[in-house]
């Protein structure tokens, strides 16, 4: 059974492996020892911090195989982004150029540098190692964040976003970055990607073009990938779209991957989750995501259970109780699958 819990200091070695396996474009999990240790430290402090409103906390969690103790992947929430480090994106808009005399009308897209999502919560760092990409594991790693947010909404912003990885090849080269590189930055995408991962964004302010950019001046290759996601990110995007997330025409400034957003209270897994009392009993054949109601000691699993609506009781087995570190009669938050 996979159990999601807050990361610990001794999880660093496998977190580093996850960072290496995640590949280029995964800026929230850089292959940098100091930064990874910093993320762990910040998460440990955030989970133990009393909070009444979001203020830069970062919650990094891991999925752990309950039988082997091996880390299967990571998932995270940033409570409020853009405070200490600016969060940049391009906004896509349209402008019409027309001449009645010549009978010509052109609709042209513009890219405008924006800091629109400052203060929003962000779900990020979702990575599942290849050996564990099966069964309910992917849904657990993604949706457990919504169980946490539903149970503790005061810790998060009313708007939740996710930045989706844009298109790049197996060597980490991005068609969208290529034109930026040639015209403004003169550094490789992997270098820029690394600087973003280690939160060194000063070069963006110094070198990024400040005026709106006409997309028809970009190469055809760059234009073609605007708002598109990496092939490995397609399942994650589809899952978020089913949750109610939509793109409001904001894209990443390096690989042009879309940013999607949803109001916290409108996320389907938040709306459809509920609290119940847990008991040991016949579990039936229905799939559930289940979490305890603790924050500092958050635990979540995907398993078979049976929910009795009349008594508002969720029946599970002893293994599930042990995984969630709770006892019979305790409250849980559940999401029918």
Foldseek 3Di string as FASTA:
>chain_A
DKKKWFDAQVCLVVLLVQQVVVDAQQLQRHNDSVLSNVLSVQQLCLLPDDAQAADFGKTKMFIADPVPRDTFFIKIKGAFPCDPFQDKWWFKDWDWDDDPVVGDIDIWIKTAIDSVRGGAMEIGRTDGDPVPPDDCVSVLRPLVVLQLCLLPVSHHDQKYKYAAGFDDDNVNQALQQVVCCVPWNVDGNRVVSNCVSSRNCPVCVVTPDRDMDTLVVGDPRNSVGAQHHYPVRVVVVVVQVVQVWDFNRIAHPRRNHTMTMDGSCSGNQSVQKDKAFEAADDQDDWWKWKWASRRSGIMIDIDGWDADPVRRYIHDHPVVCVRRVHDGGGMMIMHTD
